[in-house]
């Protein structure tokens, strides 16, 4: 999953065994939805993220000379990784914060995504390790995850996104991640999801 840290909005997701193709699909979807703006990325210590981001964001710099143009990665693109070092028994030794692309960004870590992973396991029996509600087909699994991500983005009010209703008043306006990004002005319901017409564009 690719999640915006400030709004908690899940921009893109992909399901399947961890591989470069899976991550590249999620990154490509993110580029399309963010209009290819260079972003500050945070991840764990998996080795493939750096090369995938470099391939996705690189642009050809044409100098007017003959030959193949040189590809350059924007300087504003950053990737900060949180690498956990463990001993032979799996015990955590230390946590290293390193800059895989660009400069090291503050508030590094994947705590928001890990928290959402735990919430999805609580809400979906198909995601638990020992379950009687296994999704036998990939299409069923993708539909379950997609429905829960819609619930997270548009239906549930996140406590970290609430705004005070007034000065000196202990009341709040609760917002969903989609409301924080101004994609909607209210909390959606399943009825609204099933009855809203979405225009299909080529």
N, C-alpha and C. Protein backbone atom coordinates (compact mmCIF):
# COMPACT_ATOMS: atom_id res chain seq x y z
N UNK A 1 0.83 -1.19 0.00
CA UNK A 1 0.00 0.00 0.00
C UNK A 1 0.87 1.25 0.00
N UNK A 2 0.39 2.26 -0.71
CA UNK A 2 1.04 3.57 -0.72
C UNK A 2 0.09 4.53 -0.02
N UNK A 3 0.55 5.07 1.11
CA UNK A 3 -0.31 5.92 1.94
C UNK A 3 0.31 7.30 2.12
N UNK A 4 -0.53 8.33 1.98
CA UNK A 4 -0.10 9.70 2.26
C UNK A 4 -0.02 9.88 3.77
N UNK A 5 1.14 10.32 4.26
CA UNK A 5 1.36 10.39 5.70
C UNK A 5 0.48 11.43 6.37
N UNK A 6 0.28 12.59 5.75
CA UNK A 6 -0.45 13.67 6.40
C UNK A 6 -1.95 13.39 6.49
N UNK A 7 -2.53 12.89 5.40
CA UNK A 7 -3.98 12.69 5.37
C UNK A 7 -4.39 11.26 5.68
N UNK A 8 -3.44 10.32 5.76
CA UNK A 8 -3.71 8.88 5.96
C UNK A 8 -4.45 8.26 4.78
N UNK A 9 -4.51 8.95 3.64
CA UNK A 9 -5.24 8.46 2.47
C UNK A 9 -4.39 7.41 1.76
N UNK A 10 -5.00 6.27 1.45
CA UNK A 10 -4.31 5.21 0.70
C UNK A 10 -4.43 5.54 -0.79
N UNK A 11 -3.32 5.92 -1.38
CA UNK A 11 -3.32 6.35 -2.78
C UNK A 11 -3.39 5.17 -3.73
N UNK A 12 -2.67 4.10 -3.44
CA UNK A 12 -2.63 2.95 -4.33
C UNK A 12 -2.34 1.70 -3.52
N UNK A 13 -2.71 0.56 -4.08
CA UNK A 13 -2.44 -0.71 -3.41
C UNK A 13 -2.30 -1.80 -4.47
N UNK A 14 -1.62 -2.86 -4.09
CA UNK A 14 -1.47 -4.02 -4.96
C UNK A 14 -1.35 -5.25 -4.07
N UNK A 15 -1.95 -6.35 -4.47
CA UNK A 15 -1.96 -7.57 -3.66
C UNK A 15 -1.20 -8.67 -4.39
N UNK A 16 -0.54 -9.52 -3.61
CA UNK A 16 0.21 -10.63 -4.17
C UNK A 16 1.53 -10.81 -3.46
N UNK A 17 2.30 -11.82 -3.84
CA UNK A 17 3.63 -12.02 -3.25
C UNK A 17 4.54 -10.83 -3.55
N UNK A 18 5.37 -10.47 -2.56
CA UNK A 18 6.25 -9.32 -2.72
C UNK A 18 7.24 -9.55 -3.85
N UNK A 19 7.22 -8.66 -4.83
CA UNK A 19 8.12 -8.74 -5.97
C UNK A 19 8.26 -7.36 -6.58
N UNK A 20 9.20 -7.21 -7.49
CA UNK A 20 9.40 -5.91 -8.14
C UNK A 20 8.20 -5.54 -9.00
N UNK A 21 7.57 -6.52 -9.64
CA UNK A 21 6.39 -6.23 -10.47
C UNK A 21 5.24 -5.71 -9.62
N UNK A 22 5.06 -6.30 -8.43
CA UNK A 22 3.96 -5.86 -7.55
C UNK A 22 4.19 -4.42 -7.09
N UNK A 23 5.41 -4.12 -6.63
CA UNK A 23 5.72 -2.77 -6.15
C UNK A 23 5.66 -1.78 -7.30
N UNK A 24 6.14 -2.18 -8.46
CA UNK A 24 6.14 -1.27 -9.60
C UNK A 24 4.72 -0.92 -10.02
N UNK A 25 3.80 -1.87 -9.90
CA UNK A 25 2.40 -1.58 -10.22
C UNK A 25 1.81 -0.54 -9.28
N UNK A 26 2.09 -0.65 -7.98
CA UNK A 26 1.59 0.33 -7.02
C UNK A 26 2.24 1.69 -7.23
N UNK A 27 3.54 1.72 -7.54
CA UNK A 27 4.23 2.99 -7.78
C UNK A 27 3.70 3.66 -9.04
N UNK A 28 3.46 2.88 -10.10
CA UNK A 28 2.93 3.44 -11.34
C UNK A 28 1.55 4.05 -11.13
N UNK A 29 0.69 3.37 -10.36
CA UNK A 29 -0.62 3.91 -10.05
C UNK A 29 -0.51 5.21 -9.26
N UNK A 30 0.45 5.25 -8.33
CA UNK A 30 0.66 6.47 -7.54
C UNK A 30 1.11 7.62 -8.42
N UNK A 31 2.00 7.36 -9.38
CA UNK A 31 2.45 8.41 -10.29
C UNK A 31 1.30 8.97 -11.10
N UNK A 32 0.41 8.10 -11.55
CA UNK A 32 -0.73 8.55 -12.34
C UNK A 32 -1.67 9.41 -11.51
N UNK A 33 -1.91 9.03 -10.27
CA UNK A 33 -2.86 9.74 -9.44
C UNK A 33 -2.28 11.02 -8.83
N UNK A 34 -0.97 11.13 -8.78
CA UNK A 34 -0.33 12.34 -8.27
C UNK A 34 0.26 13.19 -9.38
N UNK A 35 -0.07 12.86 -10.63
CA UNK A 35 0.37 13.62 -11.79
C UNK A 35 1.90 13.74 -11.86
N UNK A 36 2.58 12.63 -11.49
CA UNK A 36 4.03 12.50 -11.61
C UNK A 36 4.81 13.56 -10.84
N UNK A 37 4.26 14.05 -9.76
CA UNK A 37 5.00 14.99 -8.91
C UNK A 37 6.00 14.21 -8.08
N UNK A 38 7.26 14.66 -8.01
CA UNK A 38 8.24 13.99 -7.14
C UNK A 38 7.80 14.08 -5.68
N UNK A 39 7.83 12.96 -4.98
CA UNK A 39 7.34 12.88 -3.62
C UNK A 39 8.45 12.43 -2.68
N UNK A 40 8.21 12.56 -1.40
CA UNK A 40 9.10 12.02 -0.38
C UNK A 40 8.55 10.66 0.05
N UNK A 41 9.31 9.62 -0.25
CA UNK A 41 8.87 8.25 0.01
C UNK A 41 9.54 7.72 1.27
N UNK A 42 8.79 6.88 2.02
CA UNK A 42 9.32 6.21 3.20
C UNK A 42 8.99 4.72 3.05
N UNK A 43 9.93 3.87 3.40
CA UNK A 43 9.71 2.43 3.25
C UNK A 43 10.54 1.68 4.27
N UNK A 44 10.36 0.36 4.27
CA UNK A 44 11.23 -0.49 5.06
C UNK A 44 12.53 -0.74 4.29
N UNK A 45 13.31 -1.70 4.71
CA UNK A 45 14.63 -1.88 4.12
C UNK A 45 14.69 -2.79 2.92
N UNK A 46 13.54 -3.08 2.28
CA UNK A 46 13.58 -3.95 1.10
C UNK A 46 14.42 -3.31 0.01
N UNK A 47 15.27 -4.12 -0.64
CA UNK A 47 16.28 -3.59 -1.55
C UNK A 47 15.73 -3.05 -2.86
N UNK A 48 14.53 -3.43 -3.28
CA UNK A 48 14.07 -3.09 -4.61
C UNK A 48 13.44 -1.72 -4.78
N UNK A 49 13.10 -1.04 -3.69
CA UNK A 49 12.39 0.22 -3.80
C UNK A 49 13.18 1.29 -4.55
N UNK A 50 14.46 1.37 -4.30
CA UNK A 50 15.28 2.44 -4.89
C UNK A 50 15.29 2.35 -6.41
N UNK A 51 15.54 1.17 -6.95
CA UNK A 51 15.60 1.03 -8.41
C UNK A 51 14.24 1.24 -9.06
N UNK A 52 13.17 0.80 -8.38
CA UNK A 52 11.83 0.99 -8.94
C UNK A 52 11.48 2.47 -9.01
N UNK A 53 11.79 3.22 -7.97
CA UNK A 53 11.50 4.65 -7.98
C UNK A 53 12.36 5.39 -9.00
N UNK A 54 13.60 4.98 -9.14
CA UNK A 54 14.48 5.62 -10.13
C UNK A 54 13.93 5.41 -11.55
N UNK A 55 13.50 4.20 -11.85
CA UNK A 55 12.94 3.93 -13.18
C UNK A 55 11.64 4.68 -13.41
N UNK A 56 10.83 4.81 -12.36
CA UNK A 56 9.52 5.44 -12.51
C UNK A 56 9.62 6.94 -12.71
N UNK A 57 10.57 7.59 -12.04
CA UNK A 57 10.62 9.06 -12.03
C UNK A 57 11.68 9.65 -12.96
N UNK A 58 12.54 8.85 -13.51
CA UNK A 58 13.61 9.42 -14.33
C UNK A 58 13.05 10.05 -15.60
N UNK A 59 13.70 11.12 -16.02
CA UNK A 59 13.27 11.86 -17.21
C UNK A 59 14.47 12.09 -18.11
N UNK A 60 14.22 12.07 -19.41
CA UNK A 60 15.29 12.27 -20.39
C UNK A 60 15.65 13.75 -20.48
N UNK A 61 16.93 14.03 -20.40
CA UNK A 61 17.44 15.40 -20.53
C UNK A 61 18.08 15.52 -21.91
N UNK A 62 17.46 16.31 -22.77
CA UNK A 62 17.95 16.46 -24.14
C UNK A 62 18.84 17.70 -24.22
N UNK A 63 20.02 17.50 -24.75
CA UNK A 63 20.99 18.59 -24.85
C UNK A 63 21.16 19.10 -26.29
N UNK A 64 20.48 18.49 -27.23
CA UNK A 64 20.63 18.87 -28.63
C UNK A 64 21.76 18.16 -29.34
N UNK A 65 22.52 17.36 -28.63
CA UNK A 65 23.62 16.61 -29.23
C UNK A 65 23.13 15.26 -29.72
N UNK A 66 23.93 14.66 -30.56
CA UNK A 66 23.58 13.35 -31.11
C UNK A 66 23.74 12.29 -30.02
N UNK A 67 22.97 11.22 -30.18
CA UNK A 67 23.07 10.11 -29.24
C UNK A 67 21.87 10.02 -28.31
N UNK A 68 21.89 9.01 -27.53
CA UNK A 68 20.79 8.75 -26.61
C UNK A 68 20.82 9.76 -25.46
N UNK A 69 19.67 10.35 -25.11
CA UNK A 69 19.66 11.36 -24.04
C UNK A 69 19.93 10.72 -22.67
N UNK A 70 20.44 11.49 -21.77
CA UNK A 70 20.74 11.04 -20.41
C UNK A 70 19.49 11.14 -19.55
N UNK A 71 19.27 10.11 -18.74
CA UNK A 71 18.11 10.08 -17.84
C UNK A 71 18.53 10.57 -16.46
N UNK A 72 17.72 11.48 -15.91
CA UNK A 72 18.02 12.10 -14.63
C UNK A 72 16.83 11.95 -13.70
N UNK A 73 17.11 11.63 -12.44
CA UNK A 73 16.08 11.55 -11.41
C UNK A 73 15.96 12.91 -10.73
N UNK A 74 14.75 13.47 -10.57
CA UNK A 74 14.60 14.79 -9.94
C UNK A 74 15.21 14.82 -8.54
N UNK A 75 15.83 15.93 -8.21
CA UNK A 75 16.48 16.07 -6.89
C UNK A 75 15.46 16.12 -5.76
N UNK A 76 14.23 16.51 -6.07
CA UNK A 76 13.21 16.61 -5.04
C UNK A 76 12.63 15.24 -4.66
N UNK A 77 12.98 14.19 -5.41
CA UNK A 77 12.52 12.84 -5.08
C UNK A 77 13.41 12.26 -3.99
N UNK A 78 12.82 11.81 -2.90
CA UNK A 78 13.58 11.24 -1.80
C UNK A 78 12.98 9.89 -1.39
N UNK A 79 13.84 9.03 -0.91
CA UNK A 79 13.43 7.74 -0.35
C UNK A 79 14.22 7.53 0.94
N UNK A 80 13.51 7.51 2.05
CA UNK A 80 14.12 7.27 3.36
C UNK A 80 13.66 5.91 3.84
N UNK A 81 14.63 5.04 4.13
CA UNK A 81 14.32 3.66 4.52
C UNK A 81 14.62 3.44 6.00
N UNK A 82 13.75 2.67 6.63
CA UNK A 82 13.94 2.24 8.01
C UNK A 82 14.36 0.78 7.99
N UNK A 83 15.64 0.53 8.27
CA UNK A 83 16.22 -0.81 8.18
C UNK A 83 16.37 -1.38 9.58
N UNK A 84 15.77 -2.54 9.81
CA UNK A 84 15.87 -3.22 11.10
C UNK A 84 16.93 -4.32 11.01
N UNK A 85 17.90 -4.27 11.90
CA UNK A 85 18.96 -5.27 11.95
C UNK A 85 18.65 -6.25 13.08
N UNK A 86 18.68 -7.54 12.75
CA UNK A 86 18.35 -8.59 13.72
C UNK A 86 19.49 -9.60 13.82
N UNK A 87 19.53 -10.31 14.91
CA UNK A 87 20.54 -11.35 15.08
C UNK A 87 20.05 -12.65 14.49
N UNK A 88 20.82 -13.72 14.69
CA UNK A 88 20.49 -15.00 14.08
C UNK A 88 19.22 -15.62 14.64
N UNK A 89 18.78 -15.15 15.80
CA UNK A 89 17.54 -15.66 16.40
C UNK A 89 16.34 -14.78 16.10
N UNK A 90 16.54 -13.72 15.33
CA UNK A 90 15.45 -12.83 14.97
C UNK A 90 15.21 -11.70 15.94
N UNK A 91 16.05 -11.57 16.94
CA UNK A 91 15.89 -10.49 17.92
C UNK A 91 16.40 -9.19 17.34
N UNK A 92 15.66 -8.11 17.59
CA UNK A 92 16.02 -6.81 17.04
C UNK A 92 17.26 -6.27 17.74
N UNK A 93 18.26 -5.89 16.93
CA UNK A 93 19.49 -5.32 17.45
C UNK A 93 19.47 -3.80 17.42
N UNK A 94 19.11 -3.22 16.27
CA UNK A 94 19.08 -1.77 16.13
C UNK A 94 18.23 -1.41 14.92
N UNK A 95 17.85 -0.14 14.84
CA UNK A 95 17.08 0.39 13.72
C UNK A 95 17.90 1.50 13.08
N UNK A 96 18.11 1.37 11.78
CA UNK A 96 18.93 2.33 11.04
C UNK A 96 18.05 3.13 10.08
N UNK A 97 18.17 4.45 10.10
CA UNK A 97 17.48 5.32 9.17
C UNK A 97 18.49 5.79 8.14
N UNK A 98 18.25 5.48 6.88
CA UNK A 98 19.21 5.84 5.83
C UNK A 98 18.47 6.43 4.64
N UNK A 99 19.18 7.27 3.89
CA UNK A 99 18.64 7.91 2.70
C UNK A 99 19.05 7.09 1.48
N UNK A 100 18.09 6.40 0.86
CA UNK A 100 18.38 5.64 -0.34
C UNK A 100 18.34 6.52 -1.57
N UNK A 101 17.54 7.60 -1.54
CA UNK A 101 17.47 8.59 -2.63
C UNK A 101 17.36 9.96 -1.99
N UNK A 102 18.16 10.90 -2.46
CA UNK A 102 18.08 12.26 -1.95
C UNK A 102 18.52 12.36 -0.51
N UNK A 103 18.01 13.37 0.17
CA UNK A 103 18.39 13.62 1.56
C UNK A 103 17.46 12.87 2.50
N UNK A 104 17.95 12.60 3.70
CA UNK A 104 17.14 11.93 4.71
C UNK A 104 16.04 12.86 5.20
N UNK A 105 14.81 12.38 5.19
CA UNK A 105 13.67 13.17 5.64
C UNK A 105 13.37 12.83 7.09
N UNK A 106 12.91 13.84 7.84
CA UNK A 106 12.57 13.64 9.24
C UNK A 106 11.24 12.90 9.37
N UNK A 107 10.99 12.43 10.58
CA UNK A 107 9.79 11.63 10.88
C UNK A 107 9.70 10.40 10.01
N UNK A 108 10.87 9.76 9.84
CA UNK A 108 10.91 8.56 9.00
C UNK A 108 10.24 7.40 9.72
N UNK A 109 9.84 6.41 8.94
CA UNK A 109 9.21 5.23 9.51
C UNK A 109 7.97 4.83 8.74
N UNK A 110 7.49 3.64 9.00
CA UNK A 110 6.32 3.10 8.31
C UNK A 110 5.20 2.81 9.31
N UNK A 111 5.14 3.59 10.40
CA UNK A 111 4.20 3.28 11.47
C UNK A 111 2.76 3.41 11.01
N UNK A 112 2.45 4.36 10.13
CA UNK A 112 1.06 4.55 9.70
C UNK A 112 0.59 3.38 8.84
N UNK A 113 1.44 2.91 7.95
CA UNK A 113 1.07 1.77 7.11
C UNK A 113 0.94 0.50 7.95
N UNK A 114 1.87 0.31 8.90
CA UNK A 114 1.79 -0.87 9.76
C UNK A 114 0.52 -0.84 10.61
N UNK A 115 0.14 0.34 11.07
CA UNK A 115 -1.10 0.45 11.85
C UNK A 115 -2.30 0.11 10.99
N UNK A 116 -2.30 0.56 9.75
CA UNK A 116 -3.41 0.24 8.85
C UNK A 116 -3.43 -1.24 8.52
N UNK A 117 -2.26 -1.87 8.37
CA UNK A 117 -2.22 -3.32 8.14
C UNK A 117 -2.89 -4.06 9.29
N UNK A 118 -2.60 -3.63 10.52
CA UNK A 118 -3.24 -4.26 11.66
C UNK A 118 -4.73 -4.06 11.69
N UNK A 119 -5.19 -2.86 11.30
CA UNK A 119 -6.63 -2.59 11.26
C UNK A 119 -7.32 -3.45 10.20
N UNK A 120 -6.67 -3.63 9.06
CA UNK A 120 -7.27 -4.46 8.00
C UNK A 120 -7.35 -5.92 8.42
N UNK A 121 -6.38 -6.39 9.19
CA UNK A 121 -6.45 -7.77 9.68
C UNK A 121 -7.60 -7.93 10.67
N UNK A 122 -7.87 -6.90 11.43
CA UNK A 122 -9.01 -6.97 12.36
C UNK A 122 -10.35 -6.97 11.63
N UNK A 123 -10.42 -6.26 10.50
CA UNK A 123 -11.69 -6.10 9.79
C UNK A 123 -11.93 -7.18 8.76
N UNK A 124 -10.87 -7.85 8.28
CA UNK A 124 -11.01 -8.86 7.24
C UNK A 124 -10.50 -10.20 7.74
N UNK A 125 -11.40 -11.18 7.83
CA UNK A 125 -10.97 -12.51 8.25
C UNK A 125 -10.04 -13.17 7.24
N UNK A 126 -10.15 -12.77 5.97
CA UNK A 126 -9.32 -13.38 4.94
C UNK A 126 -7.85 -13.00 5.09
N UNK A 127 -7.55 -11.96 5.86
CA UNK A 127 -6.17 -11.52 6.02
C UNK A 127 -5.48 -12.15 7.23
N UNK A 128 -6.23 -12.83 8.09
CA UNK A 128 -5.61 -13.45 9.26
C UNK A 128 -4.88 -14.72 8.84
N UNK A 129 -3.91 -15.12 9.65
CA UNK A 129 -3.07 -16.25 9.28
C UNK A 129 -3.79 -17.59 9.44
N UNK A 130 -4.66 -17.72 10.42
CA UNK A 130 -5.43 -18.93 10.61
C UNK A 130 -6.90 -18.55 10.54
N UNK A 131 -7.56 -18.88 9.44
CA UNK A 131 -8.92 -18.42 9.23
C UNK A 131 -9.75 -19.49 8.55
N UNK A 132 -11.06 -19.43 8.77
CA UNK A 132 -12.01 -20.26 8.05
C UNK A 132 -12.71 -19.48 6.94
N UNK A 133 -12.30 -18.23 6.73
CA UNK A 133 -12.93 -17.36 5.73
C UNK A 133 -11.91 -16.99 4.65
N UNK A 134 -11.18 -17.97 4.18
CA UNK A 134 -10.14 -17.71 3.19
C UNK A 134 -10.75 -17.31 1.86
N UNK A 135 -10.14 -16.32 1.20
CA UNK A 135 -10.56 -15.92 -0.15
C UNK A 135 -9.88 -16.86 -1.15
N UNK A 136 -10.65 -17.71 -1.79
CA UNK A 136 -10.08 -18.75 -2.64
C UNK A 136 -9.66 -18.23 -4.00
N UNK A 137 -10.18 -17.09 -4.42
CA UNK A 137 -9.81 -16.53 -5.72
C UNK A 137 -9.20 -15.15 -5.53
N UNK A 138 -8.28 -14.81 -6.43
CA UNK A 138 -7.62 -13.50 -6.35
C UNK A 138 -8.62 -12.36 -6.49
N UNK A 139 -9.63 -12.55 -7.36
CA UNK A 139 -10.62 -11.49 -7.56
C UNK A 139 -11.41 -11.21 -6.28
N UNK A 140 -11.73 -12.27 -5.54
CA UNK A 140 -12.45 -12.10 -4.27
C UNK A 140 -11.58 -11.37 -3.26
N UNK A 141 -10.31 -11.76 -3.18
CA UNK A 141 -9.39 -11.11 -2.23
C UNK A 141 -9.22 -9.63 -2.57
N UNK A 142 -9.03 -9.32 -3.85
CA UNK A 142 -8.85 -7.93 -4.26
C UNK A 142 -10.11 -7.10 -3.97
N UNK A 143 -11.29 -7.70 -4.17
CA UNK A 143 -12.53 -6.98 -3.90
C UNK A 143 -12.69 -6.70 -2.41
N UNK A 144 -12.33 -7.66 -1.56
CA UNK A 144 -12.42 -7.45 -0.11
C UNK A 144 -11.49 -6.33 0.35
N UNK A 145 -10.25 -6.36 -0.13
CA UNK A 145 -9.28 -5.34 0.26
C UNK A 145 -9.70 -3.97 -0.27
N UNK A 146 -10.16 -3.94 -1.53
CA UNK A 146 -10.60 -2.67 -2.12
C UNK A 146 -11.77 -2.06 -1.37
N UNK A 147 -12.70 -2.89 -0.93
CA UNK A 147 -13.85 -2.38 -0.18
C UNK A 147 -13.42 -1.81 1.17
N UNK A 148 -12.48 -2.47 1.82
CA UNK A 148 -12.00 -1.96 3.11
C UNK A 148 -11.17 -0.69 2.95
N UNK A 149 -10.45 -0.57 1.86
CA UNK A 149 -9.70 0.66 1.61
C UNK A 149 -10.63 1.82 1.32
N UNK A 150 -11.74 1.55 0.62
CA UNK A 150 -12.75 2.59 0.44
C UNK A 150 -13.33 3.00 1.78
N UNK A 151 -13.60 2.01 2.62
CA UNK A 151 -14.12 2.31 3.96
C UNK A 151 -13.14 3.17 4.74
N UNK A 152 -11.85 2.88 4.62
CA UNK A 152 -10.84 3.67 5.32
C UNK A 152 -10.73 5.08 4.77
N UNK A 153 -10.76 5.22 3.45
CA UNK A 153 -10.55 6.53 2.82
C UNK A 153 -11.76 7.45 2.91
N UNK A 154 -12.95 6.89 2.77
CA UNK A 154 -14.14 7.74 2.61
C UNK A 154 -15.17 7.61 3.74
N UNK A 155 -15.18 6.49 4.46
CA UNK A 155 -16.27 6.28 5.42
C UNK A 155 -15.89 6.50 6.87
N UNK A 156 -14.69 6.14 7.24
CA UNK A 156 -14.29 6.21 8.64
C UNK A 156 -13.63 7.54 8.97
N UNK A 157 -14.02 8.13 10.08
CA UNK A 157 -13.38 9.34 10.56
C UNK A 157 -12.12 8.96 11.33
N UNK A 158 -11.01 9.56 10.96
CA UNK A 158 -9.74 9.25 11.62
C UNK A 158 -9.53 10.23 12.79
N UNK A 159 -9.24 9.72 13.98
CA UNK A 159 -9.07 10.63 15.13
C UNK A 159 -7.96 11.67 14.94
N UNK A 160 -6.90 11.30 14.20
CA UNK A 160 -5.78 12.24 14.03
C UNK A 160 -6.13 13.39 13.09
N UNK A 161 -7.24 13.28 12.36
CA UNK A 161 -7.61 14.30 11.37
C UNK A 161 -8.71 15.24 11.89
N UNK A 162 -9.15 15.07 13.11
CA UNK A 162 -10.26 15.88 13.61
C UNK A 162 -9.81 17.33 13.80
N UNK A 163 -10.78 18.25 13.66
CA UNK A 163 -10.52 19.67 13.82
C UNK A 163 -11.41 20.21 14.93
N UNK A 164 -10.90 21.12 15.76
CA UNK A 164 -11.73 21.68 16.84
C UNK A 164 -12.90 22.48 16.26
N UNK A 165 -14.07 22.29 16.87
CA UNK A 165 -15.27 22.99 16.40
C UNK A 165 -15.25 24.46 16.75
N UNK A 166 -14.53 24.84 17.79
CA UNK A 166 -14.44 26.23 18.19
C UNK A 166 -13.44 26.39 19.31
N UNK A 167 -13.07 27.62 19.57
CA UNK A 167 -12.08 27.88 20.61
C UNK A 167 -12.71 27.71 21.99
N UNK A 168 -12.05 26.89 22.81
CA UNK A 168 -12.55 26.64 24.15
C UNK A 168 -13.69 25.65 24.22
N UNK A 169 -14.02 25.00 23.12
CA UNK A 169 -15.11 24.02 23.07
C UNK A 169 -14.51 22.64 22.83
N UNK A 170 -14.89 21.68 23.66
CA UNK A 170 -14.37 20.33 23.52
C UNK A 170 -15.25 19.53 22.55
N UNK A 171 -15.42 20.07 21.39
CA UNK A 171 -16.14 19.38 20.32
C UNK A 171 -15.30 19.48 19.05
N UNK A 172 -15.49 18.49 18.19
CA UNK A 172 -14.61 18.40 17.03
C UNK A 172 -15.41 18.08 15.78
N UNK A 173 -14.85 18.50 14.65
CA UNK A 173 -15.32 18.07 13.34
C UNK A 173 -14.47 16.88 12.92
N UNK A 174 -15.11 15.74 12.77
CA UNK A 174 -14.37 14.53 12.42
C UNK A 174 -14.30 14.40 10.91
N UNK A 175 -13.13 14.00 10.43
CA UNK A 175 -12.89 13.95 8.99
C UNK A 175 -12.32 12.59 8.61
N UNK A 176 -12.67 12.17 7.41
CA UNK A 176 -12.05 10.99 6.81
C UNK A 176 -10.81 11.43 6.03
N UNK A 177 -9.94 10.50 5.64
CA UNK A 177 -8.79 10.89 4.81
C UNK A 177 -9.18 11.60 3.52
N UNK A 178 -10.28 11.19 2.90
CA UNK A 178 -10.73 11.86 1.69
C UNK A 178 -11.19 13.29 1.97
N UNK A 179 -11.78 13.53 3.13
CA UNK A 179 -12.17 14.88 3.51
C UNK A 179 -10.95 15.74 3.79
N UNK A 180 -9.90 15.14 4.34
CA UNK A 180 -8.67 15.91 4.60
C UNK A 180 -8.03 16.37 3.30
N UNK A 181 -8.18 15.59 2.22
CA UNK A 181 -7.65 15.98 0.91
C UNK A 181 -8.65 16.77 0.08
N UNK A 182 -9.81 17.04 0.65
CA UNK A 182 -10.88 17.79 -0.01
C UNK A 182 -11.40 17.08 -1.26
N UNK A 183 -11.40 15.75 -1.21
CA UNK A 183 -12.02 14.97 -2.28
C UNK A 183 -13.52 14.84 -2.07
N UNK A 184 -13.97 15.05 -0.84
CA UNK A 184 -15.39 15.04 -0.51
C UNK A 184 -15.59 15.92 0.71
N UNK A 185 -16.83 16.27 0.98
CA UNK A 185 -17.11 17.15 2.12
C UNK A 185 -17.91 16.47 3.22
N UNK A 186 -18.06 15.13 3.15
CA UNK A 186 -18.83 14.42 4.16
C UNK A 186 -18.35 12.97 4.20
N UNK A 187 -18.79 12.27 5.25
CA UNK A 187 -18.51 10.85 5.37
C UNK A 187 -19.49 10.07 4.51
N UNK A 188 -18.96 9.19 3.70
CA UNK A 188 -19.80 8.41 2.80
C UNK A 188 -20.44 7.23 3.53
N UNK A 189 -21.46 6.67 2.89
CA UNK A 189 -22.10 5.45 3.37
C UNK A 189 -22.06 4.41 2.25
N UNK A 190 -22.32 3.14 2.60
CA UNK A 190 -22.34 2.10 1.58
C UNK A 190 -23.48 2.34 0.58
N UNK A 191 -24.59 2.88 1.04
CA UNK A 191 -25.69 3.18 0.14
C UNK A 191 -25.27 4.22 -0.89
N UNK A 192 -24.55 5.24 -0.44
CA UNK A 192 -24.07 6.26 -1.37
C UNK A 192 -23.08 5.67 -2.36
N UNK A 193 -22.22 4.75 -1.89
CA UNK A 193 -21.27 4.10 -2.78
C UNK A 193 -21.97 3.30 -3.86
N UNK A 194 -23.04 2.59 -3.50
CA UNK A 194 -23.73 1.72 -4.46
C UNK A 194 -24.66 2.49 -5.39
N UNK A 195 -25.07 3.70 -5.03
CA UNK A 195 -26.03 4.44 -5.85
C UNK A 195 -25.42 5.62 -6.59
N UNK A 196 -24.15 5.94 -6.34
CA UNK A 196 -23.52 7.09 -7.01
C UNK A 196 -23.03 6.66 -8.38
N UNK A 197 -23.38 7.44 -9.38
CA UNK A 197 -22.94 7.15 -10.74
C UNK A 197 -21.56 7.76 -10.97
N UNK A 198 -20.67 6.94 -11.46
CA UNK A 198 -19.30 7.38 -11.72
C UNK A 198 -19.13 7.48 -13.24
N UNK A 199 -18.80 8.66 -13.76
CA UNK A 199 -18.61 8.77 -15.22
C UNK A 199 -17.41 7.98 -15.69
N UNK A 200 -17.56 7.27 -16.78
CA UNK A 200 -16.49 6.46 -17.35
C UNK A 200 -15.82 7.27 -18.45
N UNK A 201 -14.54 7.51 -18.30
CA UNK A 201 -13.78 8.25 -19.31
C UNK A 201 -12.77 7.35 -19.97
N UNK A 202 -12.44 7.58 -21.24
CA UNK A 202 -11.47 6.71 -21.91
C UNK A 202 -10.06 6.92 -21.34
